[in-house]
Amino acid sequence: MRTLLLSLVAMIAISVNAQTTKKVRQAAPRKQTVEQRVIGKHMLSLQWISWDYFGTCTIKRNSAGELECKGEQLSRENNDYLRLDGTVEIVDAKHLRFTGTIVSSIYHINNGEECLREGTFDFVSTEGRRYWRLQQMKNPCDGCTDYVDIYFKR
């Protein structure tokens, strides 16, 4: 009876261990998949410049192991521009945390002067959108609302 009981306990322990190992194996590829979606070349836009002619934003791993983010959108009609330069932390598939600078110059905002934002900013994909949008939307130089979007890779 004791042998039967010990055998049953051992089988349960093996089963629990196998289920835990399976969960760990399933979790690892998921993060890798999110990272694969993030690393690479993305379209970038600021609505004041254009939603028809996008800029590009490249996210890659640098020598320090961080995810480096550099991007630019230039107007085809005037000297307006948007530039991003910094690092990205993947919070989850729908949330990126950017630390660095966001610089824009739009002819009808802030008297056409450059607007510099420095710090940590959140880009979030909501409601099934295929892009991450800057959540700190209020332009600090003029008070208007900026839609800075980094699009999912195709």
Protein backbone atom coordinates (compact mmCIF):
# COMPACT_ATOMS: atom_id res chain seq x y z
CA MET A 1 0.00 0.00 0.00
CA ARG A 2 2.82 2.37 0.93
CA THR A 3 4.61 1.62 -2.36
CA LEU A 4 1.43 2.35 -4.29
CA LEU A 5 1.00 5.65 -2.45
CA LEU A 6 4.63 6.67 -3.10
CA SER A 7 4.24 5.77 -6.78
CA LEU A 8 1.11 7.91 -7.02
CA VAL A 9 2.83 10.91 -5.38
CA ALA A 10 5.81 10.54 -7.74
CA MET A 11 3.51 10.44 -10.79
CA ILE A 12 1.72 13.59 -9.65
CA ALA A 13 5.04 15.38 -9.07
CA ILE A 14 6.28 14.39 -12.52
CA SER A 15 3.02 15.56 -14.09
CA VAL A 16 3.14 18.96 -12.33
CA ASN A 17 6.79 19.41 -13.29
CA ALA A 18 6.02 18.56 -16.94
CA GLN A 19 3.15 21.09 -17.01
CA THR A 20 5.33 23.81 -15.45
CA THR A 21 8.16 23.10 -17.92
CA LYS A 22 5.68 23.26 -20.80
CA LYS A 23 4.39 26.67 -19.62
CA VAL A 24 7.95 28.02 -19.36
CA ARG A 25 8.75 26.77 -22.87
CA GLN A 26 5.59 28.40 -24.24
CA ALA A 27 6.35 31.77 -22.57
CA ALA A 28 9.87 32.16 -23.96
CA PRO A 29 8.97 32.10 -27.67
CA ARG A 30 6.17 34.60 -27.04
CA LYS A 31 8.62 37.32 -25.90
CA GLN A 32 10.89 36.43 -28.78
CA THR A 33 7.94 36.85 -31.15
CA VAL A 34 7.15 40.30 -29.70
CA GLU A 35 10.80 41.30 -30.03
CA GLN A 36 10.80 40.07 -33.62
CA ARG A 37 7.77 42.30 -34.32
CA VAL A 38 9.54 45.29 -32.78
CA ILE A 39 13.05 44.93 -34.22
CA GLY A 40 13.29 46.16 -37.80
CA LYS A 41 12.18 48.97 -40.07
CA HIS A 42 8.81 50.63 -39.42
CA MET A 43 6.80 53.42 -41.01
CA LEU A 44 6.65 56.59 -38.91
CA SER A 45 4.21 59.49 -39.08
CA LEU A 46 3.19 62.78 -37.53
CA GLN A 47 -0.21 63.89 -38.82
CA TRP A 48 0.91 67.48 -39.44
CA ILE A 49 3.47 66.23 -41.96
CA SER A 50 1.54 63.50 -43.81
CA TRP A 51 -0.41 60.29 -43.46
CA ASP A 52 0.22 59.61 -47.16
CA TYR A 53 4.03 59.83 -47.22
CA PHE A 54 5.56 58.12 -44.24
CA GLY A 55 8.95 58.38 -42.68
CA THR A 56 10.88 55.43 -41.35
CA CYS A 57 11.89 54.30 -37.91
CA THR A 58 14.47 51.57 -37.35
CA ILE A 59 14.67 49.63 -34.11
CA LYS A 60 17.75 47.45 -33.64
CA ARG A 61 19.83 46.00 -30.85
CA ASN A 62 22.95 48.08 -30.18
CA SER A 63 26.33 46.93 -28.83
CA ALA A 64 25.13 47.49 -25.24
CA GLY A 65 22.21 45.10 -25.84
CA GLU A 66 19.59 47.87 -25.77
CA LEU A 67 16.94 48.37 -28.43
CA GLU A 68 17.99 51.52 -30.25
CA CYS A 69 15.32 53.56 -32.07
CA LYS A 70 16.04 56.15 -34.76
CA GLY A 71 13.49 57.61 -37.10
CA GLU A 72 12.60 60.53 -39.30
CA GLN A 73 9.70 61.82 -41.35
CA LEU A 74 10.31 64.71 -43.76
CA SER A 75 7.61 66.74 -45.50
CA ARG A 76 7.50 66.66 -49.29
CA GLU A 77 5.89 70.11 -49.32
CA ASN A 78 8.06 72.23 -46.99
CA ASN A 79 10.75 71.99 -44.31
CA ASP A 80 8.60 70.26 -41.66
CA TYR A 81 10.12 67.22 -39.95
CA LEU A 82 9.87 64.73 -37.11
CA ARG A 83 12.88 62.94 -35.60
CA LEU A 84 13.14 60.24 -32.92
CA ASP A 85 16.40 59.14 -31.33
CA GLY A 86 16.65 56.95 -28.25
CA THR A 87 16.09 53.49 -26.84
CA VAL A 88 12.98 51.33 -26.58
CA GLU A 89 11.88 48.97 -23.84
CA ILE A 90 9.23 46.40 -24.73
CA VAL A 91 6.62 46.52 -21.97
CA ASP A 92 4.40 44.09 -23.89
CA ALA A 93 3.19 43.55 -27.47
CA LYS A 94 1.00 46.66 -27.30
CA HIS A 95 3.25 48.94 -25.26
CA LEU A 96 6.70 50.33 -26.01
CA ARG A 97 8.53 52.70 -23.66
CA PHE A 98 10.79 55.12 -25.55
CA THR A 99 13.55 57.08 -23.79
CA GLY A 100 15.31 59.77 -25.77
CA THR A 101 14.43 62.80 -27.86
CA ILE A 102 11.47 63.59 -30.06
CA VAL A 103 12.05 66.68 -32.20
CA SER A 104 9.56 68.26 -34.59
CA SER A 105 9.37 71.40 -36.64
CA ILE A 106 6.00 72.27 -38.17
CA TYR A 107 5.54 75.59 -39.96
CA HIS A 108 2.22 76.46 -38.29
CA ILE A 109 3.10 75.24 -34.76
CA ASN A 110 5.33 77.14 -32.33
CA ASN A 111 5.96 79.81 -35.02
CA GLY A 112 7.75 77.16 -37.08
CA GLU A 113 10.44 76.79 -34.42
CA GLU A 114 11.80 73.39 -33.44
CA CYS A 115 10.05 71.66 -30.54
CA LEU A 116 12.24 69.35 -28.47
CA ARG A 117 10.91 66.72 -26.07
CA GLU A 118 13.34 64.77 -23.93
CA GLY A 119 12.59 61.98 -21.51
CA THR A 120 10.60 58.77 -21.35
CA PHE A 121 7.46 58.38 -23.44
CA ASP A 122 4.90 55.63 -23.97
CA PHE A 123 3.83 54.32 -27.38
CA VAL A 124 0.71 52.13 -27.13
CA SER A 125 -1.41 50.19 -29.61
CA THR A 126 -5.09 50.37 -28.65
CA GLU A 127 -8.40 49.17 -30.08
CA GLY A 128 -6.81 46.78 -32.58
CA ARG A 129 -4.72 49.49 -34.26
CA ARG A 130 -1.71 48.38 -36.31
CA TYR A 131 0.59 51.01 -34.81
CA TRP A 132 1.92 52.26 -31.49
CA ARG A 133 0.83 55.86 -30.77
CA LEU A 134 2.67 58.32 -28.54
CA GLN A 135 0.53 58.72 -25.42
CA GLN A 136 1.99 62.08 -24.35
CA MET A 137 0.15 63.73 -27.26
CA LYS A 138 0.07 67.33 -26.06
CA ASN A 139 2.75 69.30 -27.88
CA PRO A 140 4.74 71.01 -25.10
CA CYS A 141 5.64 73.97 -27.32
CA ASP A 142 2.19 74.94 -28.57
CA GLY A 143 -0.50 72.92 -26.76
CA CYS A 144 -1.87 71.23 -29.88
CA THR A 145 -2.29 67.46 -30.14
CA ASP A 146 0.40 65.50 -31.99
CA TYR A 147 -0.25 61.98 -33.28
CA VAL A 148 3.19 60.38 -33.50
CA ASP A 149 2.76 56.81 -34.75
CA ILE A 150 5.20 53.92 -35.21
CA TYR A 151 3.54 51.32 -37.45
CA PHE A 152 3.80 47.55 -37.14
CA LYS A 153 6.00 45.90 -39.74
CA ARG A 154 4.12 44.36 -42.63
